[in-house]
Amino acid sequence: MTRVKQTFGTQVRRLLELLDGDVVKFYEQAGLDYRPRYTPVMRLLLREGAMTVGELANRSGLTQPAVSQTLREMKKADLVVDARSEDRRQRRIALSAHGESLRETLEGQWAATREAAASLDEGLAYPLSELLAEAIESLEADPFADRIRRALKTKEDK
């Protein structure tokens, strides 16, 4: 049986399915209602305390809409709550008591995940973590949309 070559987008989605799917299984086995997408926000809140959505986006490297969507899900899971700033002008997000109670368990899960990621890197010809960092840097410098436009223009010019 011949395997069809997967497109770039399909490969990226499949990679995320394989990684996140297994990480979710271990969260579930630990009795956690927790998703990998919460991790950048959760780590910042555990380390820094309450922050605005904008601060979370800037510090995590995620877009503001992605952070807002993640926070909505985290609120449903009782991991975060709204907190007002001292001057009451800014809406800040803080960990709930439940979110804070997961610190030790999550840190153990994250350490195991980091170790598993390092073992994946060791088994590859080129470390995935380095390749992903390079790809992100390249796309920030020259967005994919611009690359598509150039490819379409080149095709039209032929």
Protein backbone atom coordinates (compact mmCIF):
# COMPACT_ATOMS: atom_id res chain seq x y z
CA MET A 1 0.00 0.00 0.00
CA THR A 2 1.44 3.36 -1.03
CA ARG A 3 1.31 6.07 1.55
CA VAL A 4 0.19 9.48 0.31
CA LYS A 5 2.64 12.27 1.12
CA GLN A 6 0.99 14.48 3.72
CA THR A 7 0.89 18.23 3.29
CA PHE A 8 2.82 20.45 5.66
CA GLY A 9 -0.34 21.53 7.57
CA THR A 10 -1.48 17.93 7.95
CA GLN A 11 1.93 16.94 9.29
CA VAL A 12 1.91 19.76 11.86
CA ARG A 13 -1.62 18.86 13.02
CA ARG A 14 -0.68 15.17 13.25
CA LEU A 15 2.42 16.00 15.27
CA LEU A 16 0.31 18.02 17.71
CA GLU A 17 -2.25 15.20 17.94
CA LEU A 18 0.49 12.71 18.79
CA LEU A 19 2.14 14.96 21.36
CA ASP A 20 -0.90 16.57 23.02
CA GLY A 21 -2.97 13.39 22.91
CA ASP A 22 -0.46 11.50 25.00
CA VAL A 23 0.12 14.43 27.36
CA VAL A 24 -3.66 14.65 27.96
CA LYS A 25 -3.75 10.93 28.79
CA PHE A 26 -1.19 11.45 31.55
CA TYR A 27 -3.07 14.45 32.94
CA GLU A 28 -6.21 12.31 33.04
CA GLN A 29 -4.35 9.44 34.72
CA ALA A 30 -3.23 11.96 37.36
CA GLY A 31 -6.89 12.89 37.89
CA LEU A 32 -6.51 16.33 36.31
CA ASP A 33 -9.07 18.16 34.16
CA TYR A 34 -6.31 20.00 32.35
CA ARG A 35 -5.28 20.61 28.74
CA PRO A 36 -1.78 21.26 27.36
CA ARG A 37 -2.92 24.58 25.88
CA TYR A 38 -3.34 25.93 29.44
CA THR A 39 0.34 25.46 30.25
CA PRO A 40 1.87 28.77 29.04
CA VAL A 41 -0.77 30.76 30.95
CA MET A 42 -0.69 28.51 34.00
CA ARG A 43 3.11 28.68 34.29
CA LEU A 44 3.07 32.48 34.16
CA LEU A 45 0.31 32.77 36.76
CA LEU A 46 2.05 30.28 39.06
CA ARG A 47 5.35 32.15 38.75
CA GLU A 48 4.22 35.78 38.53
CA GLY A 49 0.76 35.99 40.08
CA ALA A 50 -2.20 37.89 38.65
CA MET A 51 -1.77 39.45 35.21
CA THR A 52 -3.85 41.18 32.55
CA VAL A 53 -4.77 39.39 29.34
CA GLY A 54 -2.34 41.65 27.47
CA GLU A 55 0.48 40.84 29.88
CA LEU A 56 -0.23 37.12 29.54
CA ALA A 57 -0.19 37.40 25.74
CA ASN A 58 3.06 39.40 25.68
CA ARG A 59 4.85 37.16 28.14
CA SER A 60 3.61 33.84 26.74
CA GLY A 61 4.18 34.60 23.06
CA LEU A 62 0.54 33.77 22.31
CA THR A 63 -1.91 36.10 20.60
CA GLN A 64 -4.40 38.00 22.75
CA PRO A 65 -7.37 36.14 21.19
CA ALA A 66 -5.67 32.79 21.91
CA VAL A 67 -5.07 33.82 25.54
CA SER A 68 -8.68 35.01 25.92
CA GLN A 69 -10.01 31.73 24.52
CA THR A 70 -7.70 29.71 26.76
CA LEU A 71 -8.77 31.73 29.81
CA ARG A 72 -12.46 31.06 29.06
CA GLU A 73 -11.71 27.34 29.09
CA MET A 74 -9.60 27.65 32.23
CA LYS A 75 -12.45 29.48 34.01
CA LYS A 76 -14.82 26.63 33.13
CA ALA A 77 -12.29 24.23 34.67
CA ASP A 78 -12.12 26.47 37.80
CA LEU A 79 -8.42 27.16 37.32
CA VAL A 80 -8.55 30.97 37.14
CA VAL A 81 -10.70 33.85 38.41
CA ASP A 82 -11.04 37.53 37.62
CA ALA A 83 -9.19 39.82 39.98
CA ARG A 84 -9.19 43.63 39.96
CA SER A 85 -5.99 45.63 40.11
CA GLU A 86 -5.32 47.80 43.15
CA ASP A 87 -6.66 50.90 41.38
CA ARG A 88 -9.59 48.77 40.08
CA ARG A 89 -9.06 49.99 36.50
CA GLN A 90 -7.61 46.82 35.04
CA ARG A 91 -9.12 43.37 34.96
CA ARG A 92 -6.49 40.91 36.02
CA ILE A 93 -6.56 37.14 35.94
CA ALA A 94 -5.42 35.13 38.94
CA LEU A 95 -5.30 31.47 39.80
CA SER A 96 -8.28 30.15 41.69
CA ALA A 97 -7.71 28.20 44.88
CA HIS A 98 -8.20 25.05 42.82
CA GLY A 99 -5.67 26.21 40.22
CA GLU A 100 -3.11 26.99 42.91
CA SER A 101 -3.72 23.58 44.52
CA LEU A 102 -2.50 21.86 41.35
CA ARG A 103 0.96 23.44 41.46
CA GLU A 104 2.92 20.44 42.71
CA THR A 105 1.12 17.91 40.50
CA LEU A 106 1.48 20.08 37.39
CA GLU A 107 5.14 20.79 38.03
CA GLY A 108 5.75 17.03 38.23
CA GLN A 109 3.86 16.47 34.98
CA TRP A 110 5.74 19.31 33.26
CA ALA A 111 9.10 17.93 34.38
CA ALA A 112 8.23 14.50 32.98
CA THR A 113 7.02 16.10 29.73
CA ARG A 114 10.28 18.09 29.40
CA GLU A 115 12.27 14.89 29.91
CA ALA A 116 10.17 13.08 27.28
CA ALA A 117 10.67 15.99 24.84
CA ALA A 118 14.42 15.87 25.42
CA SER A 119 14.42 12.12 24.66
CA LEU A 120 12.49 12.81 21.45
CA ASP A 121 15.08 15.43 20.45
CA GLU A 122 17.88 12.93 21.13
CA GLY A 123 16.28 10.40 18.78
CA LEU A 124 16.07 12.76 15.82
CA ALA A 125 18.66 13.75 13.25
CA TYR A 126 17.97 17.41 14.14
CA PRO A 127 16.37 18.36 17.48
CA LEU A 128 12.69 19.16 16.97
CA SER A 129 12.77 21.90 19.62
CA GLU A 130 15.53 23.72 17.70
CA LEU A 131 13.81 23.21 14.35
CA LEU A 132 10.53 24.59 15.73
CA ALA A 133 12.30 27.61 17.23
CA GLU A 134 13.95 28.30 13.86
CA ALA A 135 10.64 27.90 12.01
CA ILE A 136 8.89 30.31 14.38
CA GLU A 137 11.69 32.86 14.05
CA SER A 138 11.60 32.54 10.27
CA LEU A 139 7.81 32.97 10.13
CA GLU A 140 7.94 35.99 12.43
CA ALA A 141 10.48 37.58 10.06
CA ASP A 142 8.64 36.54 6.88
CA PRO A 143 5.03 35.45 7.57
CA PHE A 144 3.56 32.45 5.78
CA ALA A 145 0.87 34.66 4.19
CA ASP A 146 3.61 36.70 2.48
CA ARG A 147 5.24 33.51 1.25
CA ILE A 148 1.91 32.31 -0.19
CA ARG A 149 1.39 35.67 -1.93
CA ARG A 150 4.85 35.44 -3.51
CA ALA A 151 4.21 31.86 -4.62
CA LEU A 152 0.89 32.87 -6.20
CA LYS A 153 2.50 35.86 -7.92
CA THR A 154 5.33 33.70 -9.25
CA LYS A 155 2.76 31.23 -10.57
CA GLU A 156 0.77 34.06 -12.22
CA ASP A 157 3.92 35.49 -13.79
CA LYS A 158 4.74 32.19 -15.52
